Amino acid sequence: MYNYNLHAHTLLSDGQLLPSEVAVRYMAAGYKVIALTDHADYSNIKTMLKATTEFCRRWPKNSSIQILPGVELTHLPPEQFKPLAAYARKQGAKIIIAHGETTVEPVVKETNRLALLADIDILAHPGLISDNDTKLAEKRGIFLEITSRRGHSDTNKHVIKQARNFGAKLILNNDSHSPEDIITAGQLFNAGIEAGLTEKEIEKMNVEVGSLLKKRGIK
């Protein structure tokens, strides 16, 4: 069973719930590891990461769910991805996401490419990602997101096709903002199947996400 969700928001950005509420709801929904990845730019990254890392540090070690501090670098001028990703890593972010070129929001051109050149782990909802950008993701070992979130999920099939064509890694995420967004681990698995992933691909994803967490010092 796939039981990761490395893309979740709290009221530290545009989510509706406290980090503790998010954690408990995901725990009840059957997840083993989640990341709190609130939206950030230069205006809030310092205060947001301080709060998130403090919350995660104090989360009980014997809990059935691990909560990781992270960030989603969002709607940046593309040249800011490198310095902000480096800053986030130094401040303790275990998972760094870049807000990709989704087709349902106005995202600056070149966001996918310049985000992929920064120290990120995941390119979220990358929209109609190009061949060259998919190749870059594969070369740098960055995950392309398949999402259950409405709107952003419109291009899931394209992302899957591109990843298959060029060998890029995929990750299945929820991208929750509200209580209604927090679906069970089984429902997230089914959302991946409905998007066109095979069970074998999700099994491979499980292994690759586990390897990412080990790389970031998560047991």
N, C-alpha and C. Protein backbone atom coordinates (compact mmCIF):
# COMPACT_ATOMS: atom_id res chain seq x y z
N MET A 1 0.85 -1.21 0.00
CA MET A 1 0.00 0.00 0.00
C MET A 1 0.88 1.25 0.00
N TYR A 2 0.50 2.21 -0.79
CA TYR A 2 1.20 3.50 -0.83
C TYR A 2 0.67 4.37 0.30
N ASN A 3 1.54 4.78 1.23
CA ASN A 3 1.05 5.54 2.39
C ASN A 3 1.88 6.78 2.69
N TYR A 4 2.34 7.43 1.61
CA TYR A 4 3.05 8.70 1.73
C TYR A 4 2.18 9.83 1.18
N ASN A 5 2.32 11.01 1.75
CA ASN A 5 1.83 12.24 1.12
C ASN A 5 2.79 13.36 1.48
N LEU A 6 3.60 13.75 0.54
CA LEU A 6 4.64 14.75 0.82
C LEU A 6 4.24 16.14 0.33
N HIS A 7 2.93 16.42 0.34
CA HIS A 7 2.45 17.74 -0.12
C HIS A 7 1.16 18.06 0.62
N ALA A 8 1.28 18.83 1.71
CA ALA A 8 0.11 19.20 2.51
C ALA A 8 0.28 20.62 3.03
N HIS A 9 -0.84 21.33 3.15
CA HIS A 9 -0.81 22.74 3.57
C HIS A 9 -1.56 22.93 4.88
N THR A 10 -1.14 23.93 5.63
CA THR A 10 -1.77 24.27 6.91
C THR A 10 -2.13 25.76 6.88
N LEU A 11 -2.65 26.24 8.01
CA LEU A 11 -2.98 27.67 8.07
C LEU A 11 -1.75 28.57 8.17
N LEU A 12 -0.56 27.96 8.14
CA LEU A 12 0.66 28.76 8.03
C LEU A 12 0.80 29.36 6.63
N SER A 13 0.01 28.84 5.68
CA SER A 13 -0.11 29.52 4.38
C SER A 13 -1.58 29.58 4.03
N ASP A 14 -2.04 28.82 3.02
CA ASP A 14 -3.44 28.94 2.61
C ASP A 14 -4.28 27.72 2.97
N GLY A 15 -3.79 26.90 3.90
CA GLY A 15 -4.59 25.79 4.38
C GLY A 15 -5.56 26.24 5.46
N GLN A 16 -6.46 25.36 5.84
CA GLN A 16 -7.51 25.70 6.80
C GLN A 16 -7.26 25.15 8.20
N LEU A 17 -6.27 24.27 8.36
CA LEU A 17 -6.08 23.57 9.62
C LEU A 17 -4.71 23.84 10.24
N LEU A 18 -4.64 23.75 11.55
CA LEU A 18 -3.37 23.76 12.26
C LEU A 18 -2.53 22.56 11.84
N PRO A 19 -1.21 22.65 11.94
CA PRO A 19 -0.38 21.48 11.66
C PRO A 19 -0.82 20.24 12.46
N SER A 20 -1.17 20.42 13.72
CA SER A 20 -1.60 19.27 14.53
C SER A 20 -2.88 18.65 13.98
N GLU A 21 -3.80 19.46 13.50
CA GLU A 21 -5.04 18.94 12.92
C GLU A 21 -4.76 18.17 11.63
N VAL A 22 -3.86 18.71 10.83
CA VAL A 22 -3.47 18.02 9.59
C VAL A 22 -2.85 16.68 9.93
N ALA A 23 -1.93 16.68 10.89
CA ALA A 23 -1.23 15.45 11.27
C ALA A 23 -2.20 14.38 11.74
N VAL A 24 -3.11 14.74 12.63
CA VAL A 24 -4.04 13.76 13.19
C VAL A 24 -4.99 13.22 12.12
N ARG A 25 -5.44 14.09 11.23
CA ARG A 25 -6.35 13.62 10.18
C ARG A 25 -5.63 12.66 9.22
N TYR A 26 -4.39 12.96 8.87
CA TYR A 26 -3.65 12.04 7.99
C TYR A 26 -3.34 10.73 8.70
N MET A 27 -3.05 10.80 9.98
CA MET A 27 -2.81 9.59 10.75
C MET A 27 -4.07 8.71 10.73
N ALA A 28 -5.23 9.30 10.93
CA ALA A 28 -6.48 8.55 10.92
C ALA A 28 -6.79 7.99 9.53
N ALA A 29 -6.26 8.66 8.49
CA ALA A 29 -6.51 8.23 7.12
C ALA A 29 -5.54 7.16 6.64
N GLY A 30 -4.63 6.72 7.51
CA GLY A 30 -3.80 5.57 7.18
C GLY A 30 -2.43 5.87 6.62
N TYR A 31 -1.96 7.09 6.73
CA TYR A 31 -0.64 7.45 6.21
C TYR A 31 0.44 7.19 7.25
N LYS A 32 1.64 6.91 6.76
CA LYS A 32 2.80 6.69 7.64
C LYS A 32 3.74 7.88 7.66
N VAL A 33 3.83 8.60 6.55
CA VAL A 33 4.72 9.76 6.47
C VAL A 33 4.02 10.85 5.66
N ILE A 34 4.01 12.07 6.20
CA ILE A 34 3.54 13.23 5.43
C ILE A 34 4.55 14.36 5.60
N ALA A 35 4.50 15.31 4.69
CA ALA A 35 5.31 16.52 4.80
C ALA A 35 4.39 17.73 4.80
N LEU A 36 4.69 18.66 5.69
CA LEU A 36 3.98 19.94 5.71
C LEU A 36 4.73 20.90 4.81
N THR A 37 4.09 21.29 3.72
CA THR A 37 4.78 22.04 2.67
C THR A 37 4.00 23.31 2.34
N ASP A 38 3.99 24.23 3.26
CA ASP A 38 3.22 25.45 3.03
C ASP A 38 3.88 26.33 1.98
N HIS A 39 3.03 27.12 1.31
CA HIS A 39 3.50 28.04 0.28
C HIS A 39 4.44 29.08 0.87
N ALA A 40 5.49 29.40 0.13
CA ALA A 40 6.44 30.39 0.65
C ALA A 40 7.13 31.13 -0.49
N ASP A 41 7.48 32.36 -0.17
CA ASP A 41 8.37 33.17 -1.00
C ASP A 41 9.23 33.97 -0.03
N TYR A 42 9.88 35.03 -0.50
CA TYR A 42 10.76 35.79 0.39
C TYR A 42 10.01 36.45 1.55
N SER A 43 8.70 36.64 1.41
CA SER A 43 7.95 37.37 2.44
C SER A 43 7.72 36.56 3.72
N ASN A 44 7.66 35.21 3.59
CA ASN A 44 7.25 34.43 4.76
C ASN A 44 8.08 33.20 5.04
N ILE A 45 9.07 32.90 4.21
CA ILE A 45 9.76 31.62 4.33
C ILE A 45 10.46 31.46 5.68
N LYS A 46 11.01 32.54 6.21
CA LYS A 46 11.73 32.45 7.48
C LYS A 46 10.79 32.08 8.62
N THR A 47 9.69 32.81 8.76
CA THR A 47 8.78 32.56 9.87
C THR A 47 8.04 31.23 9.70
N MET A 48 7.67 30.90 8.47
CA MET A 48 6.94 29.66 8.23
C MET A 48 7.79 28.45 8.56
N LEU A 49 9.04 28.44 8.07
CA LEU A 49 9.90 27.29 8.33
C LEU A 49 10.26 27.17 9.80
N LYS A 50 10.42 28.28 10.47
CA LYS A 50 10.70 28.23 11.90
C LYS A 50 9.56 27.55 12.64
N ALA A 51 8.32 27.93 12.31
CA ALA A 51 7.16 27.33 12.95
C ALA A 51 7.01 25.86 12.59
N THR A 52 7.19 25.53 11.33
CA THR A 52 7.00 24.15 10.87
C THR A 52 8.05 23.22 11.45
N THR A 53 9.31 23.63 11.43
CA THR A 53 10.37 22.77 11.97
C THR A 53 10.21 22.59 13.47
N GLU A 54 9.77 23.63 14.18
CA GLU A 54 9.53 23.50 15.61
C GLU A 54 8.40 22.52 15.88
N PHE A 55 7.32 22.61 15.11
CA PHE A 55 6.21 21.67 15.28
C PHE A 55 6.68 20.24 15.05
N CYS A 56 7.41 20.01 13.96
CA CYS A 56 7.85 18.66 13.63
C CYS A 56 8.84 18.13 14.67
N ARG A 57 9.68 18.99 15.19
CA ARG A 57 10.65 18.58 16.22
C ARG A 57 9.94 18.09 17.47
N ARG A 58 8.81 18.68 17.79
CA ARG A 58 8.08 18.34 19.01
C ARG A 58 7.03 17.25 18.80
N TRP A 59 6.83 16.81 17.56
CA TRP A 59 5.86 15.75 17.32
C TRP A 59 6.36 14.47 17.99
N PRO A 60 5.50 13.72 18.68
CA PRO A 60 5.94 12.53 19.41
C PRO A 60 6.69 11.52 18.54
N LYS A 61 7.83 11.07 19.04
CA LYS A 61 8.67 10.13 18.27
C LYS A 61 8.01 8.77 18.14
N ASN A 62 7.13 8.43 19.08
CA ASN A 62 6.49 7.11 19.05
C ASN A 62 5.17 7.11 18.31
N SER A 63 4.86 8.20 17.61
CA SER A 63 3.62 8.29 16.86
C SER A 63 3.63 7.31 15.68
N SER A 64 2.46 6.91 15.22
CA SER A 64 2.36 6.01 14.06
C SER A 64 2.57 6.75 12.75
N ILE A 65 2.68 8.07 12.80
CA ILE A 65 2.91 8.86 11.59
C ILE A 65 4.09 9.80 11.81
N GLN A 66 4.94 9.91 10.80
CA GLN A 66 6.05 10.85 10.83
C GLN A 66 5.64 12.13 10.10
N ILE A 67 5.96 13.26 10.70
CA ILE A 67 5.63 14.56 10.10
C ILE A 67 6.94 15.26 9.75
N LEU A 68 7.12 15.58 8.48
CA LEU A 68 8.36 16.18 8.02
C LEU A 68 8.17 17.66 7.72
N PRO A 69 9.15 18.48 8.06
CA PRO A 69 9.08 19.89 7.69
C PRO A 69 9.46 20.09 6.23
N GLY A 70 8.66 20.88 5.54
CA GLY A 70 8.94 21.13 4.13
C GLY A 70 8.44 22.49 3.72
N VAL A 71 8.46 22.73 2.42
CA VAL A 71 8.05 24.02 1.88
C VAL A 71 7.66 23.83 0.41
N GLU A 72 6.68 24.61 -0.04
CA GLU A 72 6.38 24.69 -1.47
C GLU A 72 6.71 26.11 -1.94
N LEU A 73 7.78 26.23 -2.69
CA LEU A 73 8.18 27.53 -3.24
C LEU A 73 7.21 27.86 -4.37
N THR A 74 6.50 28.98 -4.21
CA THR A 74 5.28 29.19 -4.99
C THR A 74 5.27 30.53 -5.73
N HIS A 75 4.99 30.47 -7.04
CA HIS A 75 4.85 31.66 -7.88
C HIS A 75 6.03 32.62 -7.73
N LEU A 76 7.23 32.06 -7.70
CA LEU A 76 8.42 32.89 -7.60
C LEU A 76 8.82 33.42 -8.97
N PRO A 77 9.48 34.58 -9.01
CA PRO A 77 10.26 34.87 -10.21
C PRO A 77 11.24 33.71 -10.36
N PRO A 78 11.31 33.06 -11.51
CA PRO A 78 12.03 31.79 -11.61
C PRO A 78 13.48 31.82 -11.11
N GLU A 79 14.14 32.97 -11.23
CA GLU A 79 15.54 33.04 -10.78
C GLU A 79 15.67 32.95 -9.26
N GLN A 80 14.55 33.01 -8.54
CA GLN A 80 14.61 32.95 -7.08
C GLN A 80 14.55 31.52 -6.53
N PHE A 81 14.28 30.54 -7.39
CA PHE A 81 14.19 29.17 -6.89
C PHE A 81 15.51 28.69 -6.28
N LYS A 82 16.62 28.95 -6.94
CA LYS A 82 17.90 28.46 -6.42
C LYS A 82 18.22 29.02 -5.04
N PRO A 83 18.22 30.35 -4.86
CA PRO A 83 18.57 30.86 -3.52
C PRO A 83 17.57 30.47 -2.44
N LEU A 84 16.29 30.44 -2.76
CA LEU A 84 15.31 30.09 -1.73
C LEU A 84 15.33 28.60 -1.39
N ALA A 85 15.58 27.76 -2.37
CA ALA A 85 15.71 26.34 -2.08
C ALA A 85 16.93 26.08 -1.20
N ALA A 86 18.02 26.76 -1.50
CA ALA A 86 19.22 26.61 -0.68
C ALA A 86 18.96 27.09 0.75
N TYR A 87 18.26 28.20 0.89
CA TYR A 87 17.93 28.72 2.21
C TYR A 87 17.05 27.74 2.97
N ALA A 88 16.02 27.22 2.30
CA ALA A 88 15.10 26.28 2.95
C ALA A 88 15.83 25.04 3.44
N ARG A 89 16.76 24.53 2.64
CA ARG A 89 17.50 23.33 3.04
C ARG A 89 18.34 23.63 4.29
N LYS A 90 18.97 24.79 4.33
CA LYS A 90 19.78 25.15 5.49
C LYS A 90 18.94 25.33 6.74
N GLN A 91 17.68 25.72 6.56
CA GLN A 91 16.79 25.94 7.70
C GLN A 91 16.07 24.67 8.15
N GLY A 92 16.41 23.54 7.55
CA GLY A 92 15.86 22.28 8.03
C GLY A 92 14.74 21.67 7.23
N ALA A 93 14.40 22.23 6.07
CA ALA A 93 13.34 21.64 5.25
C ALA A 93 13.82 20.30 4.70
N LYS A 94 13.06 19.25 5.00
CA LYS A 94 13.40 17.92 4.51
C LYS A 94 12.87 17.68 3.10
N ILE A 95 11.73 18.30 2.79
CA ILE A 95 11.11 18.15 1.47
C ILE A 95 10.90 19.53 0.88
N ILE A 96 11.48 19.77 -0.28
CA ILE A 96 11.32 21.06 -0.96
C ILE A 96 10.59 20.82 -2.28
N ILE A 97 9.45 21.49 -2.39
CA ILE A 97 8.60 21.39 -3.58
C ILE A 97 8.64 22.72 -4.32
N ALA A 98 8.62 22.65 -5.63
CA ALA A 98 8.43 23.85 -6.45
C ALA A 98 7.04 23.79 -7.06
N HIS A 99 6.33 24.90 -7.01
CA HIS A 99 4.99 25.02 -7.60
C HIS A 99 5.17 25.13 -9.11
N GLY A 100 4.84 24.04 -9.81
CA GLY A 100 5.09 23.96 -11.23
C GLY A 100 4.07 24.68 -12.09
N GLU A 101 4.21 24.53 -13.40
CA GLU A 101 3.42 25.28 -14.37
C GLU A 101 2.04 24.64 -14.62
N THR A 102 1.26 24.54 -13.55
CA THR A 102 -0.11 24.05 -13.68
C THR A 102 -0.88 24.87 -14.71
N THR A 103 -1.82 24.23 -15.36
CA THR A 103 -2.61 24.92 -16.39
C THR A 103 -3.80 25.68 -15.80
N VAL A 104 -4.02 25.58 -14.49
CA VAL A 104 -5.20 26.22 -13.90
C VAL A 104 -4.84 27.48 -13.10
N GLU A 105 -3.59 27.90 -13.16
CA GLU A 105 -3.16 29.14 -12.52
C GLU A 105 -2.18 29.86 -13.45
N PRO A 106 -2.06 31.18 -13.32
CA PRO A 106 -1.08 31.90 -14.13
C PRO A 106 0.31 31.73 -13.53
N VAL A 107 1.12 30.88 -14.14
CA VAL A 107 2.48 30.62 -13.65
C VAL A 107 3.47 31.16 -14.67
N VAL A 108 4.50 31.83 -14.18
CA VAL A 108 5.50 32.45 -15.04
C VAL A 108 6.21 31.39 -15.90
N LYS A 109 6.38 31.68 -17.17
CA LYS A 109 7.11 30.77 -18.06
C LYS A 109 8.54 30.58 -17.56
N GLU A 110 9.07 29.41 -17.83
CA GLU A 110 10.41 29.00 -17.39
C GLU A 110 10.44 28.56 -15.94
N THR A 111 9.28 28.57 -15.26
CA THR A 111 9.24 28.12 -13.87
C THR A 111 9.68 26.67 -13.75
N ASN A 112 9.14 25.78 -14.59
CA ASN A 112 9.53 24.37 -14.50
C ASN A 112 11.03 24.20 -14.66
N ARG A 113 11.60 24.82 -15.68
CA ARG A 113 13.02 24.60 -15.98
C ARG A 113 13.91 25.13 -14.87
N LEU A 114 13.68 26.36 -14.44
CA LEU A 114 14.57 26.94 -13.43
C LEU A 114 14.34 26.33 -12.06
N ALA A 115 13.13 25.88 -11.78
CA ALA A 115 12.91 25.15 -10.53
C ALA A 115 13.68 23.83 -10.53
N LEU A 116 13.71 23.16 -11.66
CA LEU A 116 14.41 21.88 -11.77
C LEU A 116 15.93 22.04 -11.66
N LEU A 117 16.43 23.25 -11.84
CA LEU A 117 17.86 23.51 -11.68
C LEU A 117 18.22 23.85 -10.24
N ALA A 118 17.20 23.98 -9.38
CA ALA A 118 17.43 24.29 -7.98
C ALA A 118 17.43 23.00 -7.15
N ASP A 119 17.74 23.12 -5.86
CA ASP A 119 17.80 21.96 -4.96
C ASP A 119 16.40 21.64 -4.45
N ILE A 120 15.57 21.12 -5.35
CA ILE A 120 14.22 20.72 -4.96
C ILE A 120 14.10 19.20 -5.03
N ASP A 121 13.07 18.68 -4.37
CA ASP A 121 12.81 17.25 -4.41
C ASP A 121 11.67 16.90 -5.35
N ILE A 122 10.69 17.79 -5.45
CA ILE A 122 9.46 17.51 -6.19
C ILE A 122 9.06 18.74 -7.01
N LEU A 123 8.70 18.52 -8.26
CA LEU A 123 8.07 19.56 -9.07
C LEU A 123 6.58 19.27 -9.06
N ALA A 124 5.82 20.08 -8.33
CA ALA A 124 4.39 19.84 -8.17
C ALA A 124 3.63 20.23 -9.43
N HIS A 125 2.57 19.47 -9.69
CA HIS A 125 1.65 19.74 -10.81
C HIS A 125 2.34 20.50 -11.95
N PRO A 126 3.24 19.81 -12.67
CA PRO A 126 4.06 20.50 -13.69
C PRO A 126 3.34 20.79 -15.00
N GLY A 127 2.03 20.56 -15.04
CA GLY A 127 1.25 20.94 -16.23
C GLY A 127 1.68 20.19 -17.47
N LEU A 128 1.73 20.89 -18.57
CA LEU A 128 2.12 20.29 -19.85
C LEU A 128 3.63 20.35 -19.99
N ILE A 129 4.32 19.68 -19.10
CA ILE A 129 5.77 19.74 -19.04
C ILE A 129 6.38 19.30 -20.36
N SER A 130 7.41 20.01 -20.79
CA SER A 130 8.05 19.76 -22.08
C SER A 130 8.97 18.54 -22.02
N ASP A 131 9.37 18.09 -23.21
CA ASP A 131 10.33 16.98 -23.28
C ASP A 131 11.63 17.36 -22.58
N ASN A 132 12.16 18.54 -22.89
CA ASN A 132 13.44 18.94 -22.31
C ASN A 132 13.38 19.05 -20.79
N ASP A 133 12.28 19.58 -20.28
CA ASP A 133 12.16 19.70 -18.82
C ASP A 133 11.98 18.33 -18.17
N THR A 134 11.30 17.43 -18.84
CA THR A 134 11.16 16.07 -18.30
C THR A 134 12.52 15.38 -18.26
N LYS A 135 13.30 15.57 -19.32
CA LYS A 135 14.66 15.01 -19.34
C LYS A 135 15.50 15.59 -18.22
N LEU A 136 15.33 16.88 -17.95
CA LEU A 136 16.08 17.53 -16.88
C LEU A 136 15.68 16.96 -15.52
N ALA A 137 14.39 16.72 -15.33
CA ALA A 137 13.92 16.11 -14.08
C ALA A 137 14.54 14.73 -13.90
N GLU A 138 14.59 13.94 -14.97
CA GLU A 138 15.20 12.61 -14.90
C GLU A 138 16.69 12.71 -14.57
N LYS A 139 17.37 13.62 -15.21
CA LYS A 139 18.82 13.78 -14.99
C LYS A 139 19.12 14.17 -13.55
N ARG A 140 18.28 15.00 -12.97
CA ARG A 140 18.54 15.51 -11.62
C ARG A 140 17.84 14.68 -10.53
N GLY A 141 17.10 13.66 -10.93
CA GLY A 141 16.46 12.79 -9.95
C GLY A 141 15.32 13.45 -9.20
N ILE A 142 14.67 14.43 -9.82
CA ILE A 142 13.57 15.16 -9.18
C ILE A 142 12.25 14.51 -9.56
N PHE A 143 11.39 14.35 -8.57
CA PHE A 143 10.09 13.71 -8.80
C PHE A 143 9.10 14.67 -9.47
N LEU A 144 8.35 14.14 -10.41
CA LEU A 144 7.24 14.88 -11.02
C LEU A 144 5.96 14.40 -10.34
N GLU A 145 5.13 15.36 -9.97
CA GLU A 145 3.97 15.03 -9.16
C GLU A 145 2.74 14.63 -9.97
N ILE A 146 2.12 13.52 -9.53
CA ILE A 146 0.78 13.15 -9.94
C ILE A 146 -0.11 13.47 -8.75
N THR A 147 -1.13 14.28 -8.96
CA THR A 147 -1.89 14.82 -7.84
C THR A 147 -3.36 14.44 -7.89
N SER A 148 -3.93 14.31 -6.71
CA SER A 148 -5.37 14.08 -6.61
C SER A 148 -6.15 15.39 -6.53
N ARG A 149 -5.44 16.51 -6.52
CA ARG A 149 -6.11 17.80 -6.34
C ARG A 149 -6.84 18.23 -7.62
N ARG A 150 -8.08 18.64 -7.44
CA ARG A 150 -8.90 19.07 -8.57
C ARG A 150 -8.24 20.21 -9.33
N GLY A 151 -8.33 20.21 -10.64
CA GLY A 151 -7.72 21.24 -11.46
C GLY A 151 -6.30 20.89 -11.80
N HIS A 152 -5.44 20.83 -10.81
CA HIS A 152 -4.05 20.45 -11.05
C HIS A 152 -3.95 19.06 -11.66
N SER A 153 -4.94 18.21 -11.35
CA SER A 153 -4.91 16.83 -11.84
C SER A 153 -5.26 16.71 -13.32
N ASP A 154 -5.68 17.80 -13.93
CA ASP A 154 -6.11 17.75 -15.34
C ASP A 154 -5.01 17.25 -16.26
N THR A 155 -3.75 17.50 -15.91
CA THR A 155 -2.63 17.12 -16.78
C THR A 155 -1.88 15.89 -16.27
N ASN A 156 -2.47 15.15 -15.34
CA ASN A 156 -1.80 13.95 -14.82
C ASN A 156 -1.39 12.98 -15.93
N LYS A 157 -2.29 12.74 -16.86
CA LYS A 157 -2.01 11.75 -17.91
C LYS A 157 -0.81 12.20 -18.76
N HIS A 158 -0.73 13.50 -19.03
CA HIS A 158 0.42 14.01 -19.79
C HIS A 158 1.71 13.81 -19.01
N VAL A 159 1.68 14.10 -17.71
CA VAL A 159 2.89 13.95 -16.89
C VAL A 159 3.33 12.49 -16.84
N ILE A 160 2.37 11.59 -16.69
CA ILE A 160 2.70 10.16 -16.67
C ILE A 160 3.33 9.74 -17.99
N LYS A 161 2.75 10.18 -19.09
CA LYS A 161 3.28 9.84 -20.41
C LYS A 161 4.71 10.35 -20.57
N GLN A 162 4.95 11.59 -20.18
CA GLN A 162 6.29 12.16 -20.30
C GLN A 162 7.29 11.40 -19.43
N ALA A 163 6.88 11.07 -18.21
CA ALA A 163 7.78 10.35 -17.32
C ALA A 163 8.13 8.97 -17.89
N ARG A 164 7.15 8.31 -18.47
CA ARG A 164 7.41 7.01 -19.08
C ARG A 164 8.35 7.14 -20.27
N ASN A 165 8.14 8.17 -21.05
CA ASN A 165 8.97 8.35 -22.25
C ASN A 165 10.43 8.63 -21.93
N PHE A 166 10.68 9.33 -20.81
CA PHE A 166 12.04 9.79 -20.54
C PHE A 166 12.61 9.27 -19.22
N GLY A 167 11.89 8.39 -18.56
CA GLY A 167 12.44 7.74 -17.38
C GLY A 167 12.47 8.58 -16.12
N ALA A 168 11.65 9.63 -16.05
CA ALA A 168 11.61 10.49 -14.87
C ALA A 168 10.83 9.81 -13.73
N LYS A 169 11.19 10.16 -12.52
CA LYS A 169 10.51 9.62 -11.35
C LYS A 169 9.17 10.34 -11.14
N LEU A 170 8.20 9.57 -10.64
CA LEU A 170 6.89 10.12 -10.33
C LEU A 170 6.60 9.97 -8.83
N ILE A 171 5.79 10.88 -8.32
CA ILE A 171 5.33 10.78 -6.94
C ILE A 171 3.85 11.12 -6.90
N LEU A 172 3.12 10.40 -6.08
CA LEU A 172 1.68 10.58 -5.94
C LEU A 172 1.42 11.38 -4.67
N ASN A 173 0.78 12.53 -4.81
CA ASN A 173 0.53 13.43 -3.68
C ASN A 173 -0.92 13.90 -3.64
N ASN A 174 -1.30 14.39 -2.47
CA ASN A 174 -2.66 14.82 -2.21
C ASN A 174 -2.84 16.33 -2.38
N ASP A 175 -1.82 17.12 -1.96
CA ASP A 175 -1.88 18.59 -2.05
C ASP A 175 -3.11 19.12 -1.31
N SER A 176 -3.26 18.71 -0.05
CA SER A 176 -4.45 19.09 0.71
C SER A 176 -4.36 20.51 1.25
N HIS A 177 -5.51 21.18 1.29
CA HIS A 177 -5.65 22.51 1.87
C HIS A 177 -6.77 22.56 2.92
N SER A 178 -7.75 21.69 2.77
CA SER A 178 -8.92 21.71 3.66
C SER A 178 -9.18 20.31 4.20
N PRO A 179 -10.03 20.17 5.21
CA PRO A 179 -10.35 18.83 5.72
C PRO A 179 -10.89 17.90 4.64
N GLU A 180 -11.69 18.46 3.74
CA GLU A 180 -12.30 17.65 2.68
C GLU A 180 -11.26 17.09 1.72
N ASP A 181 -10.09 17.74 1.63
CA ASP A 181 -9.05 17.29 0.71
C ASP A 181 -8.31 16.06 1.21
N ILE A 182 -8.39 15.79 2.51
CA ILE A 182 -7.58 14.72 3.09
C ILE A 182 -8.31 13.39 2.89
N ILE A 183 -7.91 12.72 1.83
CA ILE A 183 -8.48 11.42 1.50
C ILE A 183 -7.64 10.31 2.12
N THR A 184 -8.17 9.11 2.18
CA THR A 184 -7.43 8.01 2.78
C THR A 184 -6.28 7.59 1.87
N ALA A 185 -5.34 6.84 2.46
CA ALA A 185 -4.23 6.32 1.67
C ALA A 185 -4.74 5.44 0.53
N GLY A 186 -5.79 4.67 0.80
CA GLY A 186 -6.38 3.84 -0.25
C GLY A 186 -6.99 4.66 -1.37
N GLN A 187 -7.64 5.75 -1.00
CA GLN A 187 -8.23 6.63 -2.02
C GLN A 187 -7.15 7.31 -2.86
N LEU A 188 -6.03 7.66 -2.23
CA LEU A 188 -4.94 8.26 -3.00
C LEU A 188 -4.36 7.25 -3.98
N PHE A 189 -4.22 6.01 -3.53
CA PHE A 189 -3.78 4.93 -4.42
C PHE A 189 -4.73 4.81 -5.61
N ASN A 190 -6.01 4.81 -5.34
CA ASN A 190 -7.01 4.69 -6.41
C ASN A 190 -6.96 5.88 -7.35
N ALA A 191 -6.67 7.07 -6.80
CA ALA A 191 -6.56 8.25 -7.66
C ALA A 191 -5.39 8.09 -8.63
N GLY A 192 -4.32 7.46 -8.17
CA GLY A 192 -3.19 7.19 -9.05
C GLY A 192 -3.57 6.22 -10.16
N ILE A 193 -4.30 5.18 -9.82
CA ILE A 193 -4.75 4.21 -10.82
C ILE A 193 -5.67 4.89 -11.84
N GLU A 194 -6.58 5.72 -11.36
CA GLU A 194 -7.50 6.43 -12.25
C GLU A 194 -6.76 7.40 -13.17
N ALA A 195 -5.63 7.93 -12.70
CA ALA A 195 -4.83 8.83 -13.53
C ALA A 195 -4.08 8.09 -14.63
N GLY A 196 -3.98 6.77 -14.48
CA GLY A 196 -3.31 5.97 -15.50
C GLY A 196 -2.08 5.22 -15.03
N LEU A 197 -1.73 5.35 -13.76
CA LEU A 197 -0.60 4.59 -13.23
C LEU A 197 -0.97 3.12 -13.09
N THR A 198 0.00 2.25 -13.22
CA THR A 198 -0.22 0.84 -12.96
C THR A 198 0.17 0.53 -11.50
N GLU A 199 -0.31 -0.59 -11.00
CA GLU A 199 0.07 -0.98 -9.64
C GLU A 199 1.58 -1.17 -9.54
N LYS A 200 2.18 -1.69 -10.58
CA LYS A 200 3.64 -1.88 -10.58
C LYS A 200 4.36 -0.55 -10.50
N GLU A 201 3.84 0.46 -11.19
CA GLU A 201 4.46 1.79 -11.14
C GLU A 201 4.33 2.40 -9.74
N ILE A 202 3.21 2.17 -9.09
CA ILE A 202 3.03 2.70 -7.74
C ILE A 202 3.94 1.96 -6.75
N GLU A 203 4.12 0.66 -6.95
CA GLU A 203 5.05 -0.10 -6.12
C GLU A 203 6.47 0.45 -6.27
N LYS A 204 6.86 0.74 -7.51
CA LYS A 204 8.18 1.34 -7.76
C LYS A 204 8.28 2.70 -7.10
N MET A 205 7.21 3.48 -7.18
CA MET A 205 7.16 4.79 -6.56
C MET A 205 7.39 4.68 -5.05
N ASN A 206 6.77 3.68 -4.44
CA ASN A 206 6.92 3.44 -3.01
C ASN A 206 8.39 3.29 -2.64
N VAL A 207 9.11 2.51 -3.43
CA VAL A 207 10.53 2.28 -3.19
C VAL A 207 11.33 3.56 -3.38
N GLU A 208 11.03 4.29 -4.45
CA GLU A 208 11.80 5.50 -4.76
C GLU A 208 11.55 6.61 -3.74
N VAL A 209 10.31 6.74 -3.27
CA VAL A 209 10.02 7.73 -2.23
C VAL A 209 10.72 7.34 -0.93
N GLY A 210 10.73 6.05 -0.63
CA GLY A 210 11.46 5.58 0.54
C GLY A 210 12.93 5.91 0.45
N SER A 211 13.51 5.78 -0.74
CA SER A 211 14.93 6.12 -0.93
C SER A 211 15.18 7.61 -0.75
N LEU A 212 14.23 8.45 -1.21
CA LEU A 212 14.35 9.89 -1.01
C LEU A 212 14.36 10.22 0.49
N LEU A 213 13.48 9.59 1.24
CA LEU A 213 13.41 9.87 2.67
C LEU A 213 14.69 9.44 3.37
N LYS A 214 15.25 8.31 2.99
CA LYS A 214 16.52 7.88 3.57
C LYS A 214 17.63 8.88 3.25
N LYS A 215 17.61 9.39 2.03
CA LYS A 215 18.59 10.39 1.62
C LYS A 215 18.48 11.64 2.49
N ARG A 216 17.25 11.97 2.92
CA ARG A 216 17.03 13.15 3.75
C ARG A 216 17.12 12.84 5.25
N GLY A 217 17.61 11.62 5.55
CA GLY A 217 17.84 11.27 6.95
C GLY A 217 16.62 10.79 7.69
N ILE A 218 15.58 10.37 6.96
CA ILE A 218 14.34 9.90 7.58
C ILE A 218 14.34 8.38 7.58
N LYS A 219 14.16 7.77 8.73
CA LYS A 219 14.16 6.30 8.83
C LYS A 219 12.75 5.76 8.66
